[in-house]
Amino acid sequence: MPNASPSPTPPSCTAYDPSISNSFNYLPSLAPGLIFTILFALSLALHLWKALTHPRLWFLFLFVCGALGELLGWAARLAAHYCSYSSTLFTLQIAVLILSPAFTQAGIYVVLWVLVVILGREVSPVPPKTYLGICFGIDVICGTLQATGGGLAASAVDEGESPQPGTTTMVVGIVFQLVSTCVFSLLLDWVAWKGRAQILKDRSLLLITGATFLAVGCMITRGVYRSIELIQGWEGYLISTERFFIALDGAMMIIALLAFNICNPGDLLADFKRQEQNAGIRVPLVREKASKRAKDFESGTESETLERN
C-alpha cells in the first residue's frame, strides 16, 4: 500500500495507469481473480451442503464462514481489476482475506477434536475441551486484531495518514496466530503418533488425518508469508508483487478448504454410525470404540465425557 500521493486519486473505475499509483501497487490480474472466485464459490457450496446434511455438527459451519470470506475477498479483487483505484474494494479484500482464515483455522481445531473423539482420550496429552477452548480464544483474539488492523491501515492511507499503527496491529495478530498454529501442529503430531495403529487400519481415518496435516501446513505457509509481507511494509517487495499473494495466500487457502471438501469430518462421523448399524458388516475395533463417542459428539455430550476421563 503506497503512502498518500500529493496528486488527486482518479475515479475508482478509471482505466489503470502504471504512472498513477493505487492501493494495490499493481493492477489485480483478471485470470487469478476469476479462477479463485469460482473455486471458493465451489468450496463454499460443498461445505454448506455438508453442513446442512449434518446439522448437529455445528463446527462444519466454520468452514462455510471461511469459504464465504475468501469468496468475498477474491470477488472484490476480481472487481478491482476493472476498478483498481477503488478504496472500498481494496479495504474489503484486505479485511475479509485477513479475517477469513481464522474461521478455517477454528474448523481445523475441531477436526482434531473429532479425531480424539474417535481414537480415544488416551491419544491426547490434554483434555480436548481444554485445548479447544484455548485455541478458540486465541483464534478470536488473532482474528479481531488482524481485521481491526487491516481496517485501520486501509483507512489511514485513504485519509493520508500513516498506516503503521494498523499495520503493527495486523502483524501482532498474524504472528500470534502463526505461533499458535505451530503449537497446534505439535499436538496434531502427538495425536497422530499415538493413534497411528488405528489410523493406519482405517482408510477414512487415514484420509481425514492426511487432510488435516495438509491444511495445517497450508495455514503455516500462509502465516509465514503474511508475517514477512507486513513486516516489509505496504510498499515492500512481497506486497507489491501479486504472484506471491496468489501462490502463498490464495492457493494455500483453497487447498486447505478443498482438503476438507474431499475428506469431510462430518462424513467421517456419519460413516462410523452407519458401520455400527450395518449388521452385515463386521465393524473394526476402532469403529466399535468410536461409535458411542461419535453419537455423543453429535449430541454435544462428548466433551463432558472426555473431560471426566
C-alpha atoms as a PDB file:
ATOM      1  CA  MET A   1       0.000   0.000   0.000  1.00  0.00           C
ATOM      2  CA  PRO A   2       1.707   3.234  -1.040  1.00  0.00           C
ATOM      3  CA  ASN A   3       1.839   6.343   1.066  1.00  0.00           C
ATOM      4  CA  ALA A   4      -0.570   9.108   0.259  1.00  0.00           C
ATOM      5  CA  SER A   5       0.233  10.773  -3.055  1.00  0.00           C
ATOM      6  CA  PRO A   6       0.006  14.503  -3.488  1.00  0.00           C
ATOM      7  CA  SER A   7      -1.750  14.005  -6.846  1.00  0.00           C
ATOM      8  CA  PRO A   8      -5.537  13.548  -6.725  1.00  0.00           C
ATOM      9  CA  THR A   9      -6.836   9.984  -6.792  1.00  0.00           C
ATOM     10  CA  PRO A  10      -8.600   9.211 -10.079  1.00  0.00           C
ATOM     11  CA  PRO A  11     -12.181   7.889 -10.111  1.00  0.00           C
ATOM     12  CA  SER A  12     -12.457   4.300  -8.862  1.00  0.00           C
ATOM     13  CA  CYS A  13     -13.085   2.670 -12.239  1.00  0.00           C
ATOM     14  CA  THR A  14     -10.636   4.706 -14.264  1.00  0.00           C
ATOM     15  CA  ALA A  15      -8.527   2.533 -16.581  1.00  0.00           C
ATOM     16  CA  TYR A  16      -5.336   1.525 -14.785  1.00  0.00           C
ATOM     17  CA  ASP A  17      -2.344   3.720 -15.476  1.00  0.00           C
ATOM     18  CA  PRO A  18       1.036   2.422 -14.196  1.00  0.00           C
ATOM     19  CA  SER A  19       2.185   6.005 -13.731  1.00  0.00           C
ATOM     20  CA  ILE A  20      -0.611   6.637 -11.222  1.00  0.00           C
ATOM     21  CA  SER A  21      -0.197   4.574  -8.065  1.00  0.00           C
ATOM     22  CA  ASN A  22      -3.095   2.740  -6.451  1.00  0.00           C
ATOM     23  CA  SER A  23      -3.521   0.975  -3.107  1.00  0.00           C
ATOM     24  CA  PHE A  24      -2.638  -2.442  -4.552  1.00  0.00           C
ATOM     25  CA  ASN A  25       0.660  -1.237  -6.097  1.00  0.00           C
ATOM     26  CA  TYR A  26      -0.406  -3.122  -9.244  1.00  0.00           C
ATOM     27  CA  LEU A  27      -3.423  -3.980 -11.368  1.00  0.00           C
ATOM     28  CA  PRO A  28      -5.076  -7.104  -9.871  1.00  0.00           C
ATOM     29  CA  SER A  29      -4.968  -9.800 -12.547  1.00  0.00           C
ATOM     30  CA  LEU A  30      -8.197 -10.958 -14.133  1.00  0.00           C
ATOM     31  CA  ALA A  31      -7.432 -14.686 -14.517  1.00  0.00           C
ATOM     32  CA  PRO A  32      -6.424 -15.436 -10.899  1.00  0.00           C
ATOM     33  CA  GLY A  33      -9.328 -13.360  -9.609  1.00  0.00           C
ATOM     34  CA  LEU A  34     -11.803 -15.276 -11.753  1.00  0.00           C
ATOM     35  CA  ILE A  35     -10.297 -18.705 -11.020  1.00  0.00           C
ATOM     36  CA  PHE A  36     -10.168 -18.228  -7.258  1.00  0.00           C
ATOM     37  CA  THR A  37     -13.651 -16.722  -7.167  1.00  0.00           C
ATOM     38  CA  ILE A  38     -15.011 -19.814  -8.921  1.00  0.00           C
ATOM     39  CA  LEU A  39     -13.006 -22.236  -6.762  1.00  0.00           C
ATOM     40  CA  PHE A  40     -14.014 -20.612  -3.481  1.00  0.00           C
ATOM     41  CA  ALA A  41     -17.640 -20.478  -4.629  1.00  0.00           C
ATOM     42  CA  LEU A  42     -17.482 -24.212  -5.349  1.00  0.00           C
ATOM     43  CA  SER A  43     -15.852 -24.932  -1.990  1.00  0.00           C
ATOM     44  CA  LEU A  44     -18.458 -22.784  -0.225  1.00  0.00           C
ATOM     45  CA  ALA A  45     -21.314 -24.650  -1.900  1.00  0.00           C
ATOM     46  CA  LEU A  46     -19.857 -28.029  -0.927  1.00  0.00           C
ATOM     47  CA  HIS A  47     -19.172 -27.003   2.680  1.00  0.00           C
ATOM     48  CA  LEU A  48     -22.663 -25.542   3.011  1.00  0.00           C
ATOM     49  CA  TRP A  49     -24.176 -28.732   1.617  1.00  0.00           C
ATOM     50  CA  LYS A  50     -22.279 -30.874   4.128  1.00  0.00           C
ATOM     51  CA  ALA A  51     -23.141 -28.527   6.992  1.00  0.00           C
ATOM     52  CA  LEU A  52     -26.831 -28.796   6.132  1.00  0.00           C
ATOM     53  CA  THR A  53     -26.511 -32.571   5.685  1.00  0.00           C
ATOM     54  CA  HIS A  54     -25.069 -32.874   9.211  1.00  0.00           C
ATOM     55  CA  PRO A  55     -26.927 -30.042  11.024  1.00  0.00           C
ATOM     56  CA  ARG A  56     -25.899 -31.234  14.500  1.00  0.00           C
ATOM     57  CA  LEU A  57     -22.216 -30.836  13.680  1.00  0.00           C
ATOM     58  CA  TRP A  58     -22.076 -27.079  14.224  1.00  0.00           C
ATOM     59  CA  PHE A  59     -18.352 -26.842  13.548  1.00  0.00           C
ATOM     60  CA  LEU A  60     -18.891 -27.525   9.828  1.00  0.00           C
ATOM     61  CA  PHE A  61     -20.290 -24.003   9.558  1.00  0.00           C
ATOM     62  CA  LEU A  62     -16.833 -22.672  10.475  1.00  0.00           C
ATOM     63  CA  PHE A  63     -15.599 -23.907   7.100  1.00  0.00           C
ATOM     64  CA  VAL A  64     -18.656 -22.295   5.493  1.00  0.00           C
ATOM     65  CA  CYS A  65     -17.720 -18.936   7.037  1.00  0.00           C
ATOM     66  CA  GLY A  66     -14.098 -19.351   5.995  1.00  0.00           C
ATOM     67  CA  ALA A  67     -15.004 -20.152   2.391  1.00  0.00           C
ATOM     68  CA  LEU A  68     -17.554 -17.322   2.254  1.00  0.00           C
ATOM     69  CA  GLY A  69     -14.972 -14.783   3.394  1.00  0.00           C
ATOM     70  CA  GLU A  70     -12.440 -15.996   0.839  1.00  0.00           C
ATOM     71  CA  LEU A  71     -15.095 -15.781  -1.874  1.00  0.00           C
ATOM     72  CA  LEU A  72     -15.953 -12.190  -0.939  1.00  0.00           C
ATOM     73  CA  GLY A  73     -12.289 -11.210  -0.851  1.00  0.00           C
ATOM     74  CA  TRP A  74     -11.463 -12.676  -4.236  1.00  0.00           C
ATOM     75  CA  ALA A  75     -14.660 -11.315  -5.759  1.00  0.00           C
ATOM     76  CA  ALA A  76     -13.503  -7.876  -4.577  1.00  0.00           C
ATOM     77  CA  ARG A  77     -10.104  -8.460  -6.186  1.00  0.00           C
ATOM     78  CA  LEU A  78     -11.828  -9.567  -9.388  1.00  0.00           C
ATOM     79  CA  ALA A  79     -13.889  -6.372  -9.413  1.00  0.00           C
ATOM     80  CA  ALA A  80     -10.728  -4.393  -8.654  1.00  0.00           C
ATOM     81  CA  HIS A  81      -9.297  -5.496 -11.996  1.00  0.00           C
ATOM     82  CA  TYR A  82     -11.798  -3.094 -13.522  1.00  0.00           C
ATOM     83  CA  CYS A  83     -11.858  -0.570 -10.656  1.00  0.00           C
ATOM     84  CA  SER A  84      -8.289  -0.662  -9.393  1.00  0.00           C
ATOM     85  CA  TYR A  85      -8.476   2.789  -7.788  1.00  0.00           C
ATOM     86  CA  SER A  86     -11.442   1.840  -5.572  1.00  0.00           C
ATOM     87  CA  SER A  87     -10.536   2.259  -1.911  1.00  0.00           C
ATOM     88  CA  THR A  88     -13.728   0.375  -0.975  1.00  0.00           C
ATOM     89  CA  LEU A  89     -12.714  -2.752  -2.890  1.00  0.00           C
ATOM     90  CA  PHE A  90      -9.181  -2.570  -1.541  1.00  0.00           C
ATOM     91  CA  THR A  91     -10.349  -2.231   2.074  1.00  0.00           C
ATOM     92  CA  LEU A  92     -12.910  -5.015   1.627  1.00  0.00           C
ATOM     93  CA  GLN A  93     -10.436  -7.539   0.252  1.00  0.00           C
ATOM     94  CA  ILE A  94      -7.853  -6.637   2.903  1.00  0.00           C
ATOM     95  CA  ALA A  95     -10.309  -7.083   5.782  1.00  0.00           C
ATOM     96  CA  VAL A  96     -12.007 -10.306   4.694  1.00  0.00           C
ATOM     97  CA  LEU A  97      -8.898 -12.069   3.383  1.00  0.00           C
ATOM     98  CA  ILE A  98      -7.136 -11.312   6.663  1.00  0.00           C
ATOM     99  CA  LEU A  99     -10.059 -12.437   8.854  1.00  0.00           C
ATOM    100  CA  SER A 100     -11.472 -15.428   6.930  1.00  0.00           C
ATOM    101  CA  PRO A 101      -8.595 -17.853   7.637  1.00  0.00           C
ATOM    102  CA  ALA A 102      -9.391 -17.558  11.350  1.00  0.00           C
ATOM    103  CA  PHE A 103     -12.677 -19.414  10.708  1.00  0.00           C
ATOM    104  CA  THR A 104     -10.925 -22.107   8.700  1.00  0.00           C
ATOM    105  CA  GLN A 105      -8.310 -22.420  11.445  1.00  0.00           C
ATOM    106  CA  ALA A 106     -11.057 -22.836  14.053  1.00  0.00           C
ATOM    107  CA  GLY A 107     -12.606 -25.596  11.953  1.00  0.00           C
ATOM    108  CA  ILE A 108      -9.242 -27.380  11.832  1.00  0.00           C
ATOM    109  CA  TYR A 109      -9.048 -27.202  15.627  1.00  0.00           C
ATOM    110  CA  VAL A 110     -12.365 -29.032  15.880  1.00  0.00           C
ATOM    111  CA  VAL A 111     -11.292 -31.654  13.328  1.00  0.00           C
ATOM    112  CA  LEU A 112      -8.521 -32.675  15.713  1.00  0.00           C
ATOM    113  CA  TRP A 113     -11.174 -32.891  18.425  1.00  0.00           C
ATOM    114  CA  VAL A 114     -13.115 -35.249  16.164  1.00  0.00           C
ATOM    115  CA  LEU A 115     -10.022 -37.421  15.752  1.00  0.00           C
ATOM    116  CA  VAL A 116      -9.572 -37.597  19.534  1.00  0.00           C
ATOM    117  CA  VAL A 117     -13.256 -38.437  19.917  1.00  0.00           C
ATOM    118  CA  ILE A 118     -12.819 -41.378  17.546  1.00  0.00           C
ATOM    119  CA  LEU A 119      -9.388 -42.576  18.624  1.00  0.00           C
ATOM    120  CA  GLY A 120      -9.934 -42.184  22.356  1.00  0.00           C
ATOM    121  CA  ARG A 121      -8.959 -39.713  25.076  1.00  0.00           C
ATOM    122  CA  GLU A 122      -5.693 -41.557  25.713  1.00  0.00           C
ATOM    123  CA  VAL A 123      -4.145 -40.264  22.460  1.00  0.00           C
ATOM    124  CA  SER A 124      -4.296 -36.623  23.570  1.00  0.00           C
ATOM    125  CA  PRO A 125      -1.898 -35.184  26.195  1.00  0.00           C
ATOM    126  CA  VAL A 126      -4.524 -32.628  27.292  1.00  0.00           C
ATOM    127  CA  PRO A 127      -8.325 -32.846  27.620  1.00  0.00           C
ATOM    128  CA  PRO A 128      -9.895 -31.935  24.250  1.00  0.00           C
ATOM    129  CA  LYS A 129     -12.266 -29.442  25.857  1.00  0.00           C
ATOM    130  CA  THR A 130      -9.311 -27.604  27.386  1.00  0.00           C
ATOM    131  CA  TYR A 131      -7.208 -27.266  24.233  1.00  0.00           C
ATOM    132  CA  LEU A 132     -10.269 -26.433  22.144  1.00  0.00           C
ATOM    133  CA  GLY A 133     -11.222 -23.589  24.481  1.00  0.00           C
ATOM    134  CA  ILE A 134      -7.681 -22.204  24.453  1.00  0.00           C
ATOM    135  CA  CYS A 135      -7.377 -22.470  20.664  1.00  0.00           C
ATOM    136  CA  PHE A 136     -10.750 -20.820  20.099  1.00  0.00           C
ATOM    137  CA  GLY A 137      -9.833 -17.991  22.441  1.00  0.00           C
ATOM    138  CA  ILE A 138      -6.560 -17.370  20.643  1.00  0.00           C
ATOM    139  CA  ASP A 139      -8.292 -17.555  17.271  1.00  0.00           C
ATOM    140  CA  VAL A 140     -10.855 -14.909  18.269  1.00  0.00           C
ATOM    141  CA  ILE A 141      -8.147 -12.581  19.567  1.00  0.00           C
ATOM    142  CA  CYS A 142      -5.958 -13.038  16.481  1.00  0.00           C
ATOM    143  CA  GLY A 143      -8.825 -12.621  14.046  1.00  0.00           C
ATOM    144  CA  THR A 144     -10.004  -9.464  15.779  1.00  0.00           C
ATOM    145  CA  LEU A 145      -6.506  -7.966  15.753  1.00  0.00           C
ATOM    146  CA  GLN A 146      -5.983  -8.767  12.079  1.00  0.00           C
ATOM    147  CA  ALA A 147      -9.345  -7.458  10.884  1.00  0.00           C
ATOM    148  CA  THR A 148      -9.132  -4.326  13.036  1.00  0.00           C
ATOM    149  CA  GLY A 149      -5.558  -3.618  11.973  1.00  0.00           C
ATOM    150  CA  GLY A 150      -6.401  -4.114   8.312  1.00  0.00           C
ATOM    151  CA  GLY A 151      -9.307  -1.703   8.500  1.00  0.00           C
ATOM    152  CA  LEU A 152      -7.267   0.904  10.384  1.00  0.00           C
ATOM    153  CA  ALA A 153      -4.344   0.684   7.959  1.00  0.00           C
ATOM    154  CA  ALA A 154      -6.527   0.954   4.858  1.00  0.00           C
ATOM    155  CA  SER A 155      -8.491   3.881   6.293  1.00  0.00           C
ATOM    156  CA  ALA A 156      -5.297   5.667   7.325  1.00  0.00           C
ATOM    157  CA  VAL A 157      -3.915   5.595   3.800  1.00  0.00           C
ATOM    158  CA  ASP A 158      -7.192   6.819   2.337  1.00  0.00           C
ATOM    159  CA  GLU A 159      -7.039   9.776   4.740  1.00  0.00           C
ATOM    160  CA  GLY A 160      -3.391  10.489   4.003  1.00  0.00           C
ATOM    161  CA  GLU A 161      -2.208   9.321   7.416  1.00  0.00           C
ATOM    162  CA  SER A 162       0.417   6.770   8.439  1.00  0.00           C
ATOM    163  CA  PRO A 163      -0.808   3.145   8.261  1.00  0.00           C
ATOM    164  CA  GLN A 164       1.813   1.999  10.785  1.00  0.00           C
ATOM    165  CA  PRO A 165      -0.495   1.627  13.855  1.00  0.00           C
ATOM    166  CA  GLY A 166      -2.889  -0.573  11.895  1.00  0.00           C
ATOM    167  CA  THR A 167      -0.026  -2.489  10.314  1.00  0.00           C
ATOM    168  CA  THR A 168       1.521  -3.219  13.698  1.00  0.00           C
ATOM    169  CA  THR A 169      -1.831  -4.478  14.975  1.00  0.00           C
ATOM    170  CA  MET A 170      -2.140  -6.805  11.984  1.00  0.00           C
ATOM    171  CA  VAL A 171       1.392  -8.131  12.397  1.00  0.00           C
ATOM    172  CA  VAL A 172       0.809  -8.902  16.076  1.00  0.00           C
ATOM    173  CA  GLY A 173      -2.390 -10.808  15.218  1.00  0.00           C
ATOM    174  CA  ILE A 174      -0.834 -12.762  12.352  1.00  0.00           C
ATOM    175  CA  VAL A 175       2.365 -13.672  14.212  1.00  0.00           C
ATOM    176  CA  PHE A 176       0.403 -14.698  17.310  1.00  0.00           C
ATOM    177  CA  GLN A 177      -1.830 -16.900  15.172  1.00  0.00           C
ATOM    178  CA  LEU A 178       1.187 -18.374  13.393  1.00  0.00           C
ATOM    179  CA  VAL A 179       2.790 -19.328  16.715  1.00  0.00           C
ATOM    180  CA  SER A 180      -0.445 -20.883  17.968  1.00  0.00           C
ATOM    181  CA  THR A 181      -0.797 -22.850  14.711  1.00  0.00           C
ATOM    182  CA  CYS A 182       2.729 -24.209  15.084  1.00  0.00           C
ATOM    183  CA  VAL A 183       1.978 -25.290  18.659  1.00  0.00           C
ATOM    184  CA  PHE A 184      -1.259 -26.864  17.462  1.00  0.00           C
ATOM    185  CA  SER A 185       0.671 -28.782  14.801  1.00  0.00           C
ATOM    186  CA  LEU A 186       2.745 -30.369  17.573  1.00  0.00           C
ATOM    187  CA  LEU A 187      -0.440 -31.523  19.274  1.00  0.00           C
ATOM    188  CA  LEU A 188      -1.652 -32.936  15.953  1.00  0.00           C
ATOM    189  CA  ASP A 189       1.659 -34.788  15.577  1.00  0.00           C
ATOM    190  CA  TRP A 190       1.238 -36.243  19.076  1.00  0.00           C
ATOM    191  CA  VAL A 191      -2.319 -37.451  18.464  1.00  0.00           C
ATOM    192  CA  ALA A 192      -1.440 -38.935  15.071  1.00  0.00           C
ATOM    193  CA  TRP A 193       1.576 -40.747  16.508  1.00  0.00           C
ATOM    194  CA  LYS A 194      -0.311 -42.121  19.497  1.00  0.00           C
ATOM    195  CA  GLY A 195      -3.201 -43.236  17.337  1.00  0.00           C
ATOM    196  CA  ARG A 196      -1.147 -44.384  14.354  1.00  0.00           C
ATOM    197  CA  ALA A 197      -2.074 -48.052  14.704  1.00  0.00           C
ATOM    198  CA  GLN A 198      -5.790 -47.285  14.487  1.00  0.00           C
ATOM    199  CA  ILE A 199      -5.346 -44.626  11.807  1.00  0.00           C
ATOM    200  CA  LEU A 200      -3.376 -46.907   9.500  1.00  0.00           C
ATOM    201  CA  LYS A 201      -6.031 -49.624   9.768  1.00  0.00           C
ATOM    202  CA  ASP A 202      -8.884 -47.356   8.722  1.00  0.00           C
ATOM    203  CA  ARG A 203      -8.979 -45.605   5.345  1.00  0.00           C
ATOM    204  CA  SER A 204     -11.387 -42.867   6.474  1.00  0.00           C
ATOM    205  CA  LEU A 205      -9.227 -42.015   9.466  1.00  0.00           C
ATOM    206  CA  LEU A 206      -6.115 -42.022   7.304  1.00  0.00           C
ATOM    207  CA  LEU A 207      -7.678 -39.633   4.797  1.00  0.00           C
ATOM    208  CA  ILE A 208      -9.002 -37.156   7.355  1.00  0.00           C
ATOM    209  CA  THR A 209      -5.684 -37.186   9.218  1.00  0.00           C
ATOM    210  CA  GLY A 210      -3.803 -36.550   5.982  1.00  0.00           C
ATOM    211  CA  ALA A 211      -6.196 -33.728   5.072  1.00  0.00           C
ATOM    212  CA  THR A 212      -5.639 -32.142   8.480  1.00  0.00           C
ATOM    213  CA  PHE A 213      -1.851 -32.265   8.122  1.00  0.00           C
ATOM    214  CA  LEU A 214      -2.142 -30.758   4.631  1.00  0.00           C
ATOM    215  CA  ALA A 215      -4.435 -27.958   5.817  1.00  0.00           C
ATOM    216  CA  VAL A 216      -2.227 -27.124   8.814  1.00  0.00           C
ATOM    217  CA  GLY A 217       0.809 -26.974   6.517  1.00  0.00           C
ATOM    218  CA  CYS A 218      -1.054 -24.551   4.255  1.00  0.00           C
ATOM    219  CA  MET A 219      -2.056 -22.363   7.199  1.00  0.00           C
ATOM    220  CA  ILE A 220       1.529 -22.198   8.465  1.00  0.00           C
ATOM    221  CA  THR A 221       2.849 -21.363   4.990  1.00  0.00           C
ATOM    222  CA  ARG A 222       0.319 -18.558   4.637  1.00  0.00           C
ATOM    223  CA  GLY A 223       1.099 -17.267   8.120  1.00  0.00           C
ATOM    224  CA  VAL A 224       4.824 -17.074   7.418  1.00  0.00           C
ATOM    225  CA  TYR A 225       4.203 -15.269   4.127  1.00  0.00           C
ATOM    226  CA  ARG A 226       1.742 -12.774   5.613  1.00  0.00           C
ATOM    227  CA  SER A 227       4.038 -12.032   8.555  1.00  0.00           C
ATOM    228  CA  ILE A 228       7.041 -11.253   6.337  1.00  0.00           C
ATOM    229  CA  GLU A 229       4.855  -9.332   3.898  1.00  0.00           C
ATOM    230  CA  LEU A 230       3.547  -6.939   6.524  1.00  0.00           C
ATOM    231  CA  ILE A 231       6.874  -6.589   8.303  1.00  0.00           C
ATOM    232  CA  GLN A 232       8.311  -5.377   4.975  1.00  0.00           C
ATOM    233  CA  GLY A 233       5.627  -2.698   4.886  1.00  0.00           C
ATOM    234  CA  TRP A 234       2.914  -1.594   2.486  1.00  0.00           C
ATOM    235  CA  GLU A 235       5.428  -0.723  -0.209  1.00  0.00           C
ATOM    236  CA  GLY A 236       7.572  -3.828   0.305  1.00  0.00           C
ATOM    237  CA  TYR A 237       8.514  -6.288  -2.410  1.00  0.00           C
ATOM    238  CA  LEU A 238       6.148  -9.062  -1.316  1.00  0.00           C
ATOM    239  CA  ILE A 239       3.010  -6.970  -1.004  1.00  0.00           C
ATOM    240  CA  SER A 240       3.782  -5.227  -4.292  1.00  0.00           C
ATOM    241  CA  THR A 241       4.216  -8.498  -6.223  1.00  0.00           C
ATOM    242  CA  GLU A 242       0.902 -10.218  -6.909  1.00  0.00           C
ATOM    243  CA  ARG A 243       2.265 -13.663  -7.718  1.00  0.00           C
ATOM    244  CA  PHE A 244       3.355 -14.171  -4.113  1.00  0.00           C
ATOM    245  CA  PHE A 245      -0.146 -13.359  -2.882  1.00  0.00           C
ATOM    246  CA  ILE A 246      -1.652 -15.767  -5.398  1.00  0.00           C
ATOM    247  CA  ALA A 247       0.674 -18.651  -4.525  1.00  0.00           C
ATOM    248  CA  LEU A 248       1.116 -18.179  -0.778  1.00  0.00           C
ATOM    249  CA  ASP A 249      -2.294 -16.894   0.267  1.00  0.00           C
ATOM    250  CA  GLY A 250      -4.973 -17.749  -2.285  1.00  0.00           C
ATOM    251  CA  ALA A 251      -3.581 -21.139  -3.262  1.00  0.00           C
ATOM    252  CA  MET A 252      -2.885 -22.140   0.352  1.00  0.00           C
ATOM    253  CA  MET A 253      -6.411 -21.304   1.473  1.00  0.00           C
ATOM    254  CA  ILE A 254      -8.176 -23.067  -1.394  1.00  0.00           C
ATOM    255  CA  ILE A 255      -6.062 -26.193  -0.831  1.00  0.00           C
ATOM    256  CA  ALA A 256      -6.945 -26.177   2.885  1.00  0.00           C
ATOM    257  CA  LEU A 257     -10.664 -25.762   2.221  1.00  0.00           C
ATOM    258  CA  LEU A 258     -10.798 -28.285  -0.621  1.00  0.00           C
ATOM    259  CA  ALA A 259      -8.978 -30.827   1.552  1.00  0.00           C
ATOM    260  CA  PHE A 260     -11.985 -30.859   3.887  1.00  0.00           C
ATOM    261  CA  ASN A 261     -14.408 -30.819   0.969  1.00  0.00           C
ATOM    262  CA  ILE A 262     -12.859 -34.106  -0.127  1.00  0.00           C
ATOM    263  CA  CYS A 263     -12.273 -35.535   3.363  1.00  0.00           C
ATOM    264  CA  ASN A 264     -15.211 -34.103   5.254  1.00  0.00           C
ATOM    265  CA  PRO A 265     -15.178 -34.748   9.034  1.00  0.00           C
ATOM    266  CA  GLY A 266     -18.982 -34.845   9.099  1.00  0.00           C
ATOM    267  CA  ASP A 267     -18.922 -37.778   6.696  1.00  0.00           C
ATOM    268  CA  LEU A 268     -16.346 -39.486   8.890  1.00  0.00           C
ATOM    269  CA  LEU A 269     -18.579 -39.373  11.952  1.00  0.00           C
ATOM    270  CA  ALA A 270     -21.611 -40.434   9.922  1.00  0.00           C
ATOM    271  CA  ASP A 271     -19.589 -43.327   8.499  1.00  0.00           C
ATOM    272  CA  PHE A 272     -18.921 -44.665  11.991  1.00  0.00           C
ATOM    273  CA  LYS A 273     -22.619 -44.599  12.781  1.00  0.00           C
ATOM    274  CA  ARG A 274     -23.565 -46.359   9.540  1.00  0.00           C
ATOM    275  CA  GLN A 275     -20.982 -49.075  10.060  1.00  0.00           C
ATOM    276  CA  GLU A 276     -22.304 -49.763  13.524  1.00  0.00           C
ATOM    277  CA  GLN A 277     -25.879 -50.051  12.266  1.00  0.00           C
ATOM    278  CA  ASN A 278     -24.969 -52.328   9.354  1.00  0.00           C
ATOM    279  CA  ALA A 279     -25.268 -55.803  10.867  1.00  0.00           C
ATOM    280  CA  GLY A 280     -23.991 -57.455   7.729  1.00  0.00           C
ATOM    281  CA  ILE A 281     -20.532 -55.891   8.010  1.00  0.00           C
ATOM    282  CA  ARG A 282     -18.143 -56.574  10.842  1.00  0.00           C
ATOM    283  CA  VAL A 283     -17.122 -53.305  12.432  1.00  0.00           C
ATOM    284  CA  PRO A 284     -13.365 -52.929  13.013  1.00  0.00           C
ATOM    285  CA  LEU A 285     -12.157 -52.414  16.566  1.00  0.00           C
ATOM    286  CA  VAL A 286     -11.506 -48.723  16.077  1.00  0.00           C
ATOM    287  CA  ARG A 287     -15.067 -48.231  14.854  1.00  0.00           C
ATOM    288  CA  GLU A 288     -16.519 -50.159  17.769  1.00  0.00           C
ATOM    289  CA  LYS A 289     -14.606 -47.932  20.187  1.00  0.00           C
ATOM    290  CA  ALA A 290     -15.752 -44.791  18.417  1.00  0.00           C
ATOM    291  CA  SER A 291     -19.422 -45.499  17.872  1.00  0.00           C
ATOM    292  CA  LYS A 292     -20.628 -44.138  21.193  1.00  0.00           C
ATOM    293  CA  ARG A 293     -18.181 -41.238  21.076  1.00  0.00           C
ATOM    294  CA  ALA A 294     -19.440 -40.251  17.627  1.00  0.00           C
ATOM    295  CA  LYS A 295     -23.029 -40.226  18.862  1.00  0.00           C
ATOM    296  CA  ASP A 296     -22.072 -38.281  21.975  1.00  0.00           C
ATOM    297  CA  PHE A 297     -20.185 -35.758  19.867  1.00  0.00           C
ATOM    298  CA  GLU A 298     -23.242 -35.081  17.738  1.00  0.00           C
ATOM    299  CA  SER A 299     -25.431 -34.721  20.831  1.00  0.00           C
ATOM    300  CA  GLY A 300     -22.958 -32.345  22.473  1.00  0.00           C
ATOM    301  CA  THR A 301     -22.168 -34.589  25.451  1.00  0.00           C
ATOM    302  CA  GLU A 302     -18.788 -35.866  24.281  1.00  0.00           C
ATOM    303  CA  SER A 303     -16.802 -33.012  25.773  1.00  0.00           C
ATOM    304  CA  GLU A 304     -18.192 -33.770  29.218  1.00  0.00           C
ATOM    305  CA  THR A 305     -17.416 -37.462  28.870  1.00  0.00           C
ATOM    306  CA  LEU A 306     -13.852 -36.836  27.763  1.00  0.00           C
ATOM    307  CA  GLU A 307     -13.311 -34.264  30.480  1.00  0.00           C
ATOM    308  CA  ARG A 308     -14.323 -36.728  33.178  1.00  0.00           C
ATOM    309  CA  ASN A 309     -11.881 -39.244  31.749  1.00  0.00           C
END
